[in-house]
Amino acid sequence: MKLRWRRRKIFANSLHKELVKLFALASVVPAIIVALCFYYYLLTTVGSAESLSSDALTLNMVAVAKQVLTLLIIALPVCVLTILFFTRKVAHTIIGPFDRIVNEIDQNLQGKRKGSIHLRKGDKFKPLVDRINTLLEKSENT
């Protein structure tokens, strides 16, 4: 027996896909950078440990740890700022139209405004706004 309610697509729509990509980027990129830095640290420490005494090994490990820390101090803020930039860009195309739709519907309900709701190019709620505009046109004609 087939289940009719089961979703066949991985993503419901393009908005869903964009948000999943954004969250994946936000979680994976910093983890990869940290892993690479510690992998570098491990390789340099183990590679130089064979020919060094314990005191020299300790000094070498401290120097390598400083290098890894420097890399982390530089790389992590760059990653965080990049993630914040893209998050803001996507959120702007979601939050802005939402607020605009709510404000214009409120103005229509109060009688301060008539006509359809307009969105900027690239805003995400286009299918919803098209249906609201159709509903507004039908209510004005009756």
C-alpha atoms as a PDB file:
ATOM      1  CA  MET A   1       0.000   0.000   0.000  1.00  0.00           C
ATOM      2  CA  LYS A   2       1.436   3.388  -1.060  1.00  0.00           C
ATOM      3  CA  LEU A   3       1.466   6.307   1.313  1.00  0.00           C
ATOM      4  CA  ARG A   4      -0.042   9.323  -0.422  1.00  0.00           C
ATOM      5  CA  TRP A   5       1.089  11.865   2.136  1.00  0.00           C
ATOM      6  CA  ARG A   6       4.755  10.993   1.766  1.00  0.00           C
ATOM      7  CA  ARG A   7       6.796  13.784   0.252  1.00  0.00           C
ATOM      8  CA  ARG A   8       8.633  12.801  -2.908  1.00  0.00           C
ATOM      9  CA  LYS A   9      11.031  15.716  -3.093  1.00  0.00           C
ATOM     10  CA  ILE A  10      13.873  16.416  -0.723  1.00  0.00           C
ATOM     11  CA  PHE A  11      13.095  20.141  -0.670  1.00  0.00           C
ATOM     12  CA  ALA A  12       9.579  21.551  -0.657  1.00  0.00           C
ATOM     13  CA  ASN A  13      10.575  24.587  -2.729  1.00  0.00           C
ATOM     14  CA  SER A  14      13.509  26.815  -3.597  1.00  0.00           C
ATOM     15  CA  LEU A  15      13.198  28.770  -0.330  1.00  0.00           C
ATOM     16  CA  HIS A  16      13.501  25.556   1.637  1.00  0.00           C
ATOM     17  CA  LYS A  17      16.575  24.612  -0.394  1.00  0.00           C
ATOM     18  CA  GLU A  18      18.230  28.007   0.189  1.00  0.00           C
ATOM     19  CA  LEU A  19      17.681  27.864   3.938  1.00  0.00           C
ATOM     20  CA  VAL A  20      19.070  24.333   4.171  1.00  0.00           C
ATOM     21  CA  LYS A  21      22.144  25.384   2.188  1.00  0.00           C
ATOM     22  CA  LEU A  22      22.611  28.378   4.455  1.00  0.00           C
ATOM     23  CA  PHE A  23      22.428  26.352   7.652  1.00  0.00           C
ATOM     24  CA  ALA A  24      24.714  23.679   6.200  1.00  0.00           C
ATOM     25  CA  LEU A  25      27.248  26.326   5.259  1.00  0.00           C
ATOM     26  CA  ALA A  26      26.978  27.904   8.695  1.00  0.00           C
ATOM     27  CA  SER A  27      27.727  24.624  10.446  1.00  0.00           C
ATOM     28  CA  VAL A  28      30.138  22.882   8.086  1.00  0.00           C
ATOM     29  CA  VAL A  29      32.560  25.628   7.076  1.00  0.00           C
ATOM     30  CA  PRO A  30      33.824  26.534  10.572  1.00  0.00           C
ATOM     31  CA  ALA A  31      34.104  22.852  11.475  1.00  0.00           C
ATOM     32  CA  ILE A  32      36.181  22.126   8.373  1.00  0.00           C
ATOM     33  CA  ILE A  33      38.499  25.059   9.053  1.00  0.00           C
ATOM     34  CA  VAL A  34      39.065  24.001  12.655  1.00  0.00           C
ATOM     35  CA  ALA A  35      39.658  20.399  11.568  1.00  0.00           C
ATOM     36  CA  LEU A  36      42.184  21.452   8.943  1.00  0.00           C
ATOM     37  CA  CYS A  37      44.044  23.646  11.413  1.00  0.00           C
ATOM     38  CA  PHE A  38      44.321  20.848  13.944  1.00  0.00           C
ATOM     39  CA  TYR A  39      45.264  18.375  11.214  1.00  0.00           C
ATOM     40  CA  TYR A  40      48.078  20.731  10.246  1.00  0.00           C
ATOM     41  CA  TYR A  41      49.066  20.966  13.898  1.00  0.00           C
ATOM     42  CA  LEU A  42      49.101  17.178  14.254  1.00  0.00           C
ATOM     43  CA  LEU A  43      51.182  16.625  11.126  1.00  0.00           C
ATOM     44  CA  THR A  44      53.817  19.194  12.015  1.00  0.00           C
ATOM     45  CA  THR A  45      54.096  18.021  15.605  1.00  0.00           C
ATOM     46  CA  VAL A  46      54.315  14.307  14.872  1.00  0.00           C
ATOM     47  CA  GLY A  47      56.587  14.833  11.891  1.00  0.00           C
ATOM     48  CA  SER A  48      59.133  16.764  13.901  1.00  0.00           C
ATOM     49  CA  ALA A  49      58.863  14.642  17.049  1.00  0.00           C
ATOM     50  CA  GLU A  50      61.012  11.787  15.770  1.00  0.00           C
ATOM     51  CA  SER A  51      64.267  13.728  15.840  1.00  0.00           C
ATOM     52  CA  LEU A  52      63.730  15.891  18.924  1.00  0.00           C
ATOM     53  CA  SER A  53      64.226  15.390  22.632  1.00  0.00           C
ATOM     54  CA  SER A  54      61.311  15.950  25.005  1.00  0.00           C
ATOM     55  CA  ASP A  55      62.313  19.565  25.804  1.00  0.00           C
ATOM     56  CA  ALA A  56      62.734  20.412  22.158  1.00  0.00           C
ATOM     57  CA  LEU A  57      59.468  18.653  21.371  1.00  0.00           C
ATOM     58  CA  THR A  58      57.644  20.762  23.946  1.00  0.00           C
ATOM     59  CA  LEU A  59      59.088  23.985  22.542  1.00  0.00           C
ATOM     60  CA  ASN A  60      58.191  22.867  19.028  1.00  0.00           C
ATOM     61  CA  MET A  61      54.631  22.023  20.074  1.00  0.00           C
ATOM     62  CA  VAL A  62      54.227  25.477  21.651  1.00  0.00           C
ATOM     63  CA  ALA A  63      55.432  27.141  18.466  1.00  0.00           C
ATOM     64  CA  VAL A  64      53.090  25.087  16.326  1.00  0.00           C
ATOM     65  CA  ALA A  65      50.205  25.769  18.704  1.00  0.00           C
ATOM     66  CA  LYS A  66      50.861  29.508  18.283  1.00  0.00           C
ATOM     67  CA  GLN A  67      50.741  29.091  14.505  1.00  0.00           C
ATOM     68  CA  VAL A  68      47.464  27.184  14.676  1.00  0.00           C
ATOM     69  CA  LEU A  69      46.023  29.798  17.013  1.00  0.00           C
ATOM     70  CA  THR A  70      47.049  32.544  14.596  1.00  0.00           C
ATOM     71  CA  LEU A  71      45.344  30.694  11.750  1.00  0.00           C
ATOM     72  CA  LEU A  72      42.187  30.271  13.826  1.00  0.00           C
ATOM     73  CA  ILE A  73      42.180  33.939  14.839  1.00  0.00           C
ATOM     74  CA  ILE A  74      42.354  34.955  11.176  1.00  0.00           C
ATOM     75  CA  ALA A  75      40.187  32.277   9.539  1.00  0.00           C
ATOM     76  CA  LEU A  76      37.225  32.017  11.910  1.00  0.00           C
ATOM     77  CA  PRO A  77      36.223  35.710  11.820  1.00  0.00           C
ATOM     78  CA  VAL A  78      36.429  35.645   8.017  1.00  0.00           C
ATOM     79  CA  CYS A  79      34.135  32.605   7.935  1.00  0.00           C
ATOM     80  CA  VAL A  80      31.722  34.088  10.442  1.00  0.00           C
ATOM     81  CA  LEU A  81      31.518  37.387   8.546  1.00  0.00           C
ATOM     82  CA  THR A  82      30.928  35.542   5.282  1.00  0.00           C
ATOM     83  CA  ILE A  83      28.165  33.460   6.837  1.00  0.00           C
ATOM     84  CA  LEU A  84      26.583  36.561   8.373  1.00  0.00           C
ATOM     85  CA  PHE A  85      26.664  38.332   5.014  1.00  0.00           C
ATOM     86  CA  PHE A  86      24.812  35.529   3.243  1.00  0.00           C
ATOM     87  CA  THR A  87      22.406  35.067   6.147  1.00  0.00           C
ATOM     88  CA  ARG A  88      21.520  38.743   6.025  1.00  0.00           C
ATOM     89  CA  LYS A  89      21.024  38.590   2.274  1.00  0.00           C
ATOM     90  CA  VAL A  90      18.618  35.646   2.467  1.00  0.00           C
ATOM     91  CA  ALA A  91      16.821  36.966   5.546  1.00  0.00           C
ATOM     92  CA  HIS A  92      16.364  40.322   3.835  1.00  0.00           C
ATOM     93  CA  THR A  93      14.498  38.678   0.970  1.00  0.00           C
ATOM     94  CA  ILE A  94      12.243  36.879   3.471  1.00  0.00           C
ATOM     95  CA  ILE A  95      11.644  39.356   6.279  1.00  0.00           C
ATOM     96  CA  GLY A  96      11.257  42.476   4.109  1.00  0.00           C
ATOM     97  CA  PRO A  97       8.444  41.077   1.948  1.00  0.00           C
ATOM     98  CA  PHE A  98       6.709  39.597   4.981  1.00  0.00           C
ATOM     99  CA  ASP A  99       6.575  42.970   6.705  1.00  0.00           C
ATOM    100  CA  ARG A 100       5.482  44.683   3.514  1.00  0.00           C
ATOM    101  CA  ILE A 101       2.663  42.168   2.944  1.00  0.00           C
ATOM    102  CA  VAL A 102       1.395  42.604   6.509  1.00  0.00           C
ATOM    103  CA  ASN A 103       1.551  46.424   6.327  1.00  0.00           C
ATOM    104  CA  GLU A 104      -0.203  46.625   2.956  1.00  0.00           C
ATOM    105  CA  ILE A 105      -2.932  44.189   4.024  1.00  0.00           C
ATOM    106  CA  ASP A 106      -3.473  46.281   7.184  1.00  0.00           C
ATOM    107  CA  GLN A 107      -3.742  49.431   5.053  1.00  0.00           C
ATOM    108  CA  ASN A 108      -6.243  47.708   2.751  1.00  0.00           C
ATOM    109  CA  LEU A 109      -8.322  46.565   5.734  1.00  0.00           C
ATOM    110  CA  GLN A 110      -8.362  50.080   7.187  1.00  0.00           C
ATOM    111  CA  GLY A 111      -9.366  51.547   3.822  1.00  0.00           C
ATOM    112  CA  LYS A 112      -6.240  53.718   3.552  1.00  0.00           C
ATOM    113  CA  ARG A 113      -5.060  51.927   0.437  1.00  0.00           C
ATOM    114  CA  LYS A 114      -6.576  50.072  -2.499  1.00  0.00           C
ATOM    115  CA  GLY A 115      -5.040  47.894  -5.133  1.00  0.00           C
ATOM    116  CA  SER A 116      -2.549  45.093  -5.246  1.00  0.00           C
ATOM    117  CA  ILE A 117       0.541  44.427  -3.185  1.00  0.00           C
ATOM    118  CA  HIS A 118       3.849  44.943  -4.955  1.00  0.00           C
ATOM    119  CA  LEU A 119       7.142  43.225  -4.134  1.00  0.00           C
ATOM    120  CA  ARG A 120      10.669  43.932  -5.230  1.00  0.00           C
ATOM    121  CA  LYS A 121      12.379  41.698  -7.732  1.00  0.00           C
ATOM    122  CA  GLY A 122      13.886  38.679  -5.963  1.00  0.00           C
ATOM    123  CA  ASP A 123      11.598  38.759  -2.918  1.00  0.00           C
ATOM    124  CA  LYS A 124      10.481  35.317  -1.794  1.00  0.00           C
ATOM    125  CA  PHE A 125       6.724  35.493  -1.265  1.00  0.00           C
ATOM    126  CA  LYS A 126       5.715  36.040  -4.903  1.00  0.00           C
ATOM    127  CA  PRO A 127       3.245  33.087  -5.140  1.00  0.00           C
ATOM    128  CA  LEU A 128       1.545  34.165  -1.904  1.00  0.00           C
ATOM    129  CA  VAL A 129       1.306  37.792  -2.997  1.00  0.00           C
ATOM    130  CA  ASP A 130      -0.138  36.767  -6.383  1.00  0.00           C
ATOM    131  CA  ARG A 131      -2.941  34.902  -4.615  1.00  0.00           C
ATOM    132  CA  ILE A 132      -3.537  37.741  -2.144  1.00  0.00           C
ATOM    133  CA  ASN A 133      -3.727  40.187  -5.067  1.00  0.00           C
ATOM    134  CA  THR A 134      -6.276  37.936  -6.791  1.00  0.00           C
ATOM    135  CA  LEU A 135      -8.285  37.840  -3.571  1.00  0.00           C
ATOM    136  CA  LEU A 136      -8.091  41.640  -3.229  1.00  0.00           C
ATOM    137  CA  GLU A 137      -9.257  42.104  -6.824  1.00  0.00           C
ATOM    138  CA  LYS A 138     -12.217  39.789  -6.270  1.00  0.00           C
ATOM    139  CA  SER A 139     -13.190  41.566  -3.042  1.00  0.00           C
ATOM    140  CA  GLU A 140     -13.008  44.992  -4.740  1.00  0.00           C
ATOM    141  CA  ASN A 141     -15.201  43.811  -7.628  1.00  0.00           C
ATOM    142  CA  THR A 142     -17.974  42.551  -5.358  1.00  0.00           C
END
